[in-house]
Amino acid sequence: MSLPTLDLSLFANGSDTNSRQFASDLFRGLRQYGFVRIVNHGFTDLAVAKLFEWMKPEDKFSIAHQPGPDPQRGWSKVGAENSSTLYQKGLLKSQVADDLRDAREHFDQGPKSDHHYLNKWPDESVLPGFREHLEDAFERLEQISARVMEALEVALNLPSGALLDRMTHKGNASEMRLNHYPAIDLEDIKRGKVSRIWPHFDLGVITLLFQDGVGGLEFENREQHGTFSRVACGKQSDMIVNVSETLQRWTNDVLPAGLHRVNLPDYLEDTDAGTLPERYSIAYFCKADRGASVGPLKEFLVEGSQPLYREMSAIEYHQHRLQSAY
């Protein structure tokens, strides 16, 4: 199964007809699959390749993230975050084993304007240009996420700003993550207690993702729960966009979050011995302003429909959910 591929330039720079068609296709793809592939968003293959080159920070332990419910900043070691409990205690409240572990490490940053949860950067003398390059990428991804959300406002016939006013530039609480999945013996994966990342939903509004050519990303089939389809790698600049938990809450389940995992690539599925090569990806978790409500919007509570989620602030929800991952 292949995801719909949408051209963002048709919305950003196209005619009114093209913009509305993009918005309609975006909504239809996200509702049907939970995911779409977006191209012509402003990042070239070369720009993404350069980002991947920055994904081996030196002196990791001096910028280590302290586990807990606060927004993640700095480097988290392999196994620090447990995605399986995010799923278990999340929207579906599914029962999974308590001893499942993720085989990945990651570096997280927030906006440079965030003075409450400060970013952790390696010293410039250790990794010259790292901070500048990642801050620039963060701001570009923020702009892309805003265009995607603007298109969803059009598709959902919402007043201008109904979504964007809850995720402003001034109050930006979004995060960018550099994921590194180290090489691992296939035998460890096959035992069923370790995975690159277990099935889970993301916590924010939407996620923008770049991935390398190793493969393994899969999304759940909405019409056959419990089964997953692979996401082809495509070009390095191909951006995978998925619905996250906050958008599901805002729309009162009109746009359900996309369940996904990172599994074995197809060419290793029937192999029992050997090494699963290392994998890299870059995720931008577009999130609501911390003080914004993550309860359903009034536009989705019509004709006597009841809210499926209670009112609470985005930071309360974030801390409640993230606490389960450590």
Protein backbone atom coordinates (compact mmCIF):
# COMPACT_ATOMS: atom_id res chain seq x y z
CA MET A 1 0.00 0.00 0.00
CA SER A 2 1.41 3.39 -0.98
CA LEU A 3 0.69 6.71 0.67
CA PRO A 4 -0.77 9.63 -1.29
CA THR A 5 1.95 12.00 -2.53
CA LEU A 6 0.99 15.67 -2.35
CA ASP A 7 2.76 18.75 -3.75
CA LEU A 8 2.83 21.49 -1.09
CA SER A 9 3.83 24.12 -3.65
CA LEU A 10 0.30 23.84 -5.08
CA PHE A 11 -1.05 25.20 -1.81
CA ALA A 12 1.68 27.70 -1.05
CA ASN A 13 2.11 29.12 -4.55
CA GLY A 14 -0.73 27.78 -6.67
CA SER A 15 -4.09 29.09 -7.78
CA ASP A 16 -7.10 29.10 -5.47
CA THR A 17 -8.37 25.97 -7.22
CA ASN A 18 -5.05 24.17 -6.74
CA SER A 19 -4.85 25.28 -3.12
CA ARG A 20 -8.29 23.92 -2.35
CA GLN A 21 -7.54 20.68 -4.17
CA PHE A 22 -4.36 20.23 -2.12
CA ALA A 23 -6.29 20.90 1.08
CA SER A 24 -8.96 18.39 0.12
CA ASP A 25 -6.41 15.73 -0.82
CA LEU A 26 -4.51 16.34 2.42
CA PHE A 27 -7.60 15.85 4.56
CA ARG A 28 -8.70 12.77 2.63
CA GLY A 29 -5.26 11.15 2.87
CA LEU A 30 -4.85 11.88 6.57
CA ARG A 31 -8.35 10.64 7.37
CA GLN A 32 -7.95 7.44 5.35
CA TYR A 33 -4.37 6.54 6.26
CA GLY A 34 -3.25 8.85 9.06
CA PHE A 35 -0.23 9.64 6.86
CA VAL A 36 0.64 11.35 3.58
CA ARG A 37 3.86 12.00 1.68
CA ILE A 38 4.61 15.64 0.85
CA VAL A 39 7.04 16.93 -1.76
CA ASN A 40 8.13 20.39 -2.97
CA HIS A 41 8.04 21.80 0.54
CA GLY A 42 11.34 23.73 0.37
CA PHE A 43 13.90 21.14 1.54
CA THR A 44 16.04 19.64 -1.22
CA ASP A 45 17.66 16.20 -1.16
CA LEU A 46 20.99 17.94 -0.52
CA ALA A 47 19.62 19.95 2.41
CA VAL A 48 18.24 16.80 4.07
CA ALA A 49 21.48 14.92 3.39
CA LYS A 50 23.38 17.70 5.18
CA LEU A 51 21.06 17.36 8.15
CA PHE A 52 21.80 13.64 8.33
CA GLU A 53 25.53 14.49 8.42
CA TRP A 54 25.02 16.32 11.73
CA MET A 55 23.50 13.33 13.49
CA LYS A 56 26.56 12.13 15.39
CA PRO A 57 27.10 14.73 18.13
CA GLU A 58 30.28 14.39 20.12
CA ASP A 59 30.34 14.59 23.90
CA LYS A 60 26.79 13.25 24.22
CA PHE A 61 26.83 12.83 27.97
CA SER A 62 27.47 16.52 28.64
CA ILE A 63 24.15 17.31 26.93
CA ALA A 64 22.19 14.35 28.31
CA HIS A 65 18.43 14.69 28.77
CA GLN A 66 17.22 14.01 32.29
CA PRO A 67 14.37 11.46 32.08
CA GLY A 68 10.99 12.71 33.21
CA PRO A 69 7.78 14.39 32.08
CA ASP A 70 9.26 17.71 30.94
CA PRO A 71 9.91 18.44 27.25
CA GLN A 72 12.98 16.60 26.06
CA ARG A 73 16.20 18.50 25.52
CA GLY A 74 19.62 17.12 24.59
CA TRP A 75 20.71 13.52 24.10
CA SER A 76 18.75 10.47 25.27
CA LYS A 77 20.67 7.19 25.35
CA VAL A 78 19.54 3.92 23.76
CA GLY A 79 16.54 2.59 25.64
CA ALA A 80 15.91 5.80 27.61
CA GLU A 81 12.45 6.28 26.09
CA ASN A 82 9.98 3.40 25.93
CA SER A 83 7.47 3.87 23.11
CA SER A 84 5.47 0.75 24.01
CA THR A 85 4.16 2.37 27.21
CA LEU A 86 3.13 5.47 25.28
CA TYR A 87 0.82 3.18 23.31
CA GLN A 88 -0.29 1.19 26.35
CA LYS A 89 -1.29 4.30 28.32
CA GLY A 90 -2.34 6.39 25.33
CA LEU A 91 -5.47 6.80 23.25
CA LEU A 92 -6.21 3.09 22.88
CA LYS A 93 -5.08 2.01 26.35
CA SER A 94 -3.93 -1.30 24.90
CA GLN A 95 -2.26 -3.93 27.04
CA VAL A 96 1.35 -4.68 26.14
CA ALA A 97 4.19 -6.33 28.01
CA ASP A 98 6.09 -4.14 30.47
CA ASP A 99 9.54 -5.38 29.43
CA LEU A 100 9.60 -4.15 25.82
CA ARG A 101 12.46 -1.82 24.92
CA ASP A 102 13.39 0.55 22.08
CA ALA A 103 16.76 0.27 20.31
CA ARG A 104 17.38 3.94 19.50
CA GLU A 105 18.96 7.11 20.80
CA HIS A 106 18.01 10.65 19.94
CA PHE A 107 18.83 14.35 20.24
CA ASP A 108 15.95 16.75 20.96
CA GLN A 109 15.68 20.51 20.65
CA GLY A 110 12.94 23.08 21.06
CA PRO A 111 12.62 26.58 19.59
CA LYS A 112 15.41 28.96 20.44
CA SER A 113 12.76 31.32 21.82
CA ASP A 114 11.91 28.85 24.60
CA HIS A 115 13.45 30.24 27.79
CA HIS A 116 11.59 27.89 30.12
CA TYR A 117 12.92 24.59 28.80
CA LEU A 118 16.39 25.47 27.52
CA ASN A 119 18.08 23.59 24.72
CA LYS A 120 21.30 21.70 25.41
CA TRP A 121 24.02 22.17 22.81
CA PRO A 122 27.50 20.69 22.49
CA ASP A 123 30.22 23.29 22.84
CA GLU A 124 30.85 25.13 19.57
CA SER A 125 34.50 24.11 19.70
CA VAL A 126 33.46 20.45 19.80
CA LEU A 127 30.95 20.57 16.96
CA PRO A 128 31.20 23.86 15.04
CA GLY A 129 28.00 24.82 13.22
CA PHE A 130 25.79 22.15 14.82
CA ARG A 131 23.59 24.58 16.73
CA GLU A 132 23.26 27.11 13.90
CA HIS A 133 22.37 24.47 11.32
CA LEU A 134 19.74 22.80 13.49
CA GLU A 135 18.14 26.05 14.59
CA ASP A 136 17.77 27.03 10.93
CA ALA A 137 16.19 23.66 10.07
CA PHE A 138 13.82 23.99 13.02
CA GLU A 139 12.53 27.36 11.82
CA ARG A 140 12.04 26.10 8.27
CA LEU A 141 10.10 23.07 9.50
CA GLU A 142 7.97 25.34 11.69
CA GLN A 143 6.99 27.30 8.57
CA ILE A 144 6.14 24.12 6.65
CA SER A 145 3.99 22.81 9.50
CA ALA A 146 2.09 26.11 9.54
CA ARG A 147 1.27 25.73 5.82
CA VAL A 148 0.03 22.19 6.39
CA MET A 149 -2.19 23.31 9.27
CA GLU A 150 -3.48 26.23 7.21
CA ALA A 151 -4.47 23.74 4.51
CA LEU A 152 -6.32 21.64 7.09
CA GLU A 153 -8.24 24.73 8.22
CA VAL A 154 -9.37 25.16 4.60
CA ALA A 155 -10.28 21.48 4.18
CA LEU A 156 -12.25 21.40 7.45
CA ASN A 157 -14.04 24.69 6.68
CA LEU A 158 -12.71 26.18 9.89
CA PRO A 159 -12.36 29.91 10.54
CA SER A 160 -8.90 31.20 9.72
CA GLY A 161 -6.69 30.67 12.76
CA ALA A 162 -8.92 28.05 14.42
CA LEU A 163 -5.92 25.70 14.52
CA LEU A 164 -2.99 28.03 13.97
CA ASP A 165 -3.95 30.37 16.81
CA ARG A 166 -3.38 27.42 19.18
CA MET A 167 0.15 26.86 17.89
CA THR A 168 1.71 30.28 17.46
CA HIS A 169 5.28 31.24 16.66
CA LYS A 170 5.55 33.21 19.92
CA GLY A 171 4.36 30.27 22.04
CA ASN A 172 5.95 27.52 19.96
CA ALA A 173 6.35 24.33 22.00
CA SER A 174 7.33 22.11 19.07
CA GLU A 175 10.40 19.89 19.07
CA MET A 176 12.83 18.57 16.47
CA ARG A 177 14.45 15.19 16.98
CA LEU A 178 17.44 13.50 15.38
CA ASN A 179 16.88 9.74 15.68
CA HIS A 180 19.72 7.22 15.48
CA TYR A 181 18.92 3.52 15.45
CA PRO A 182 22.26 1.73 16.01
CA ALA A 183 23.08 -1.46 14.16
CA ILE A 184 21.69 -4.45 16.05
CA ASP A 185 21.80 -8.24 15.74
CA LEU A 186 18.72 -9.63 14.07
CA GLU A 187 18.57 -12.30 16.77
CA ASP A 188 17.87 -9.58 19.36
CA ILE A 189 14.98 -8.24 17.29
CA LYS A 190 13.56 -11.69 16.57
CA ARG A 191 13.34 -12.52 20.29
CA GLY A 192 10.49 -10.03 20.45
CA LYS A 193 11.56 -7.91 23.42
CA VAL A 194 13.51 -5.22 21.54
CA SER A 195 12.35 -3.16 18.56
CA ARG A 196 13.65 -0.07 16.83
CA ILE A 197 10.46 1.58 17.99
CA TRP A 198 7.23 -0.10 19.07
CA PRO A 199 3.79 0.88 17.74
CA HIS A 200 2.86 4.29 19.11
CA PHE A 201 1.14 7.59 18.44
CA ASP A 202 2.99 10.90 18.51
CA LEU A 203 1.84 13.38 21.15
CA GLY A 204 1.67 16.62 19.20
CA VAL A 205 -0.55 17.98 16.43
CA ILE A 206 1.24 16.63 13.36
CA THR A 207 4.70 15.18 12.74
CA LEU A 208 6.96 15.94 9.78
CA LEU A 209 9.51 13.19 9.12
CA PHE A 210 12.55 12.66 6.90
CA GLN A 211 14.11 9.18 6.76
CA ASP A 212 17.24 7.66 5.25
CA GLY A 213 17.22 4.76 2.79
CA VAL A 214 17.40 1.85 5.26
CA GLY A 215 13.65 1.47 5.63
CA GLY A 216 11.46 -0.10 8.28
CA LEU A 217 8.85 2.61 8.93
CA GLU A 218 5.33 1.15 8.93
CA PHE A 219 1.83 2.55 9.52
CA GLU A 220 -1.23 0.69 10.73
CA ASN A 221 -3.94 -0.11 8.21
CA ARG A 222 -7.08 1.66 9.39
CA GLU A 223 -9.39 -0.93 7.83
CA GLN A 224 -7.57 -3.89 9.39
CA HIS A 225 -6.33 -2.96 12.86
CA GLY A 226 -3.21 -4.74 14.01
CA THR A 227 -1.73 -4.99 10.51
CA PHE A 228 0.91 -2.63 9.18
CA SER A 229 2.07 -1.45 5.75
CA ARG A 230 5.60 -0.32 4.93
CA VAL A 231 6.39 3.24 3.98
CA ALA A 232 8.72 3.31 0.97
CA CYS A 233 11.81 5.44 1.54
CA GLY A 234 11.64 7.40 -1.70
CA LYS A 235 13.89 10.46 -1.99
CA GLN A 236 15.61 11.83 1.09
CA SER A 237 13.56 15.02 0.77
CA ASP A 238 10.25 13.12 0.77
CA MET A 239 8.44 14.26 3.90
CA ILE A 240 6.07 11.90 5.71
CA VAL A 241 3.32 13.75 7.59
CA ASN A 242 1.18 12.02 10.19
CA VAL A 243 -1.72 12.94 12.45
CA SER A 244 -0.79 13.06 16.13
CA GLU A 245 -2.81 12.81 19.33
CA THR A 246 -3.58 16.51 19.84
CA LEU A 247 -5.15 16.85 16.39
CA GLN A 248 -7.30 13.79 17.10
CA ARG A 249 -8.48 15.45 20.31
CA TRP A 250 -9.10 18.85 18.67
CA THR A 251 -11.20 17.27 15.91
CA ASN A 252 -13.04 14.92 18.31
CA ASP A 253 -11.84 11.89 16.32
CA VAL A 254 -12.60 13.30 12.86
CA LEU A 255 -8.87 12.94 12.17
CA PRO A 256 -7.58 9.96 14.18
CA ALA A 257 -3.88 9.80 15.05
CA GLY A 258 -1.72 7.51 12.93
CA LEU A 259 -0.30 4.46 14.68
CA HIS A 260 3.20 3.63 13.45
CA ARG A 261 6.37 1.71 14.26
CA VAL A 262 9.87 1.05 12.92
CA ASN A 263 10.30 -2.62 12.10
CA LEU A 264 12.61 -4.70 9.93
CA PRO A 265 12.97 -3.57 6.31
CA ASP A 266 11.34 -5.96 3.87
CA TYR A 267 14.59 -7.49 2.63
CA LEU A 268 15.40 -8.73 6.15
CA GLU A 269 11.96 -9.92 7.17
CA ASP A 270 12.65 -13.60 6.46
CA THR A 271 16.24 -13.52 7.69
CA ASP A 272 17.06 -14.96 11.12
CA ALA A 273 20.75 -14.11 11.47
CA GLY A 274 22.94 -11.14 10.65
CA THR A 275 22.94 -7.45 11.44
CA LEU A 276 20.25 -4.85 10.98
CA PRO A 277 22.12 -1.77 9.71
CA GLU A 278 21.94 1.55 11.52
CA ARG A 279 19.14 3.92 10.56
CA TYR A 280 18.62 7.68 10.81
CA SER A 281 15.53 9.86 10.71
CA ILE A 282 14.61 13.47 11.50
CA ALA A 283 11.25 14.31 13.06
CA TYR A 284 9.62 17.68 13.68
CA PHE A 285 6.89 17.28 16.29
CA CYS A 286 4.50 20.18 15.71
CA LYS A 287 2.84 20.89 19.06
CA ALA A 288 0.21 23.18 20.54
CA ASP A 289 1.22 26.18 22.63
CA ARG A 290 1.66 24.95 26.20
CA GLY A 291 -1.27 26.93 27.55
CA ALA A 292 -3.61 26.00 24.70
CA SER A 293 -6.45 23.59 25.39
CA VAL A 294 -6.22 20.12 23.88
CA GLY A 295 -9.95 19.54 24.29
CA PRO A 296 -12.22 19.30 21.21
CA LEU A 297 -12.84 22.50 19.25
CA LYS A 298 -16.40 23.81 19.33
CA GLU A 299 -16.65 23.39 15.56
CA PHE A 300 -16.56 19.61 16.09
CA LEU A 301 -19.23 19.62 18.79
CA VAL A 302 -22.35 20.10 16.68
CA GLU A 303 -25.81 18.56 16.52
CA GLY A 304 -25.63 17.27 20.05
CA SER A 305 -22.28 15.45 19.69
CA GLN A 306 -20.43 14.96 22.95
CA PRO A 307 -16.76 15.78 23.59
CA LEU A 308 -14.69 12.61 23.66
CA TYR A 309 -11.83 14.26 25.54
CA ARG A 310 -11.70 16.52 28.58
CA GLU A 311 -10.29 20.01 28.60
CA MET A 312 -6.69 20.32 29.74
CA SER A 313 -3.69 22.38 28.71
CA ALA A 314 -1.18 21.09 26.20
CA ILE A 315 1.64 21.06 28.76
CA GLU A 316 -0.51 19.11 31.23
CA TYR A 317 -1.31 16.57 28.55
CA HIS A 318 2.31 16.39 27.40
CA GLN A 319 3.63 15.80 30.90
CA HIS A 320 0.93 13.25 31.68
CA ARG A 321 1.71 11.25 28.55
CA LEU A 322 5.49 11.60 28.56
CA GLN A 323 5.76 10.44 32.15
CA SER A 324 4.69 6.98 30.95
CA ALA A 325 7.59 6.75 28.48
CA TYR A 326 10.34 6.71 31.14
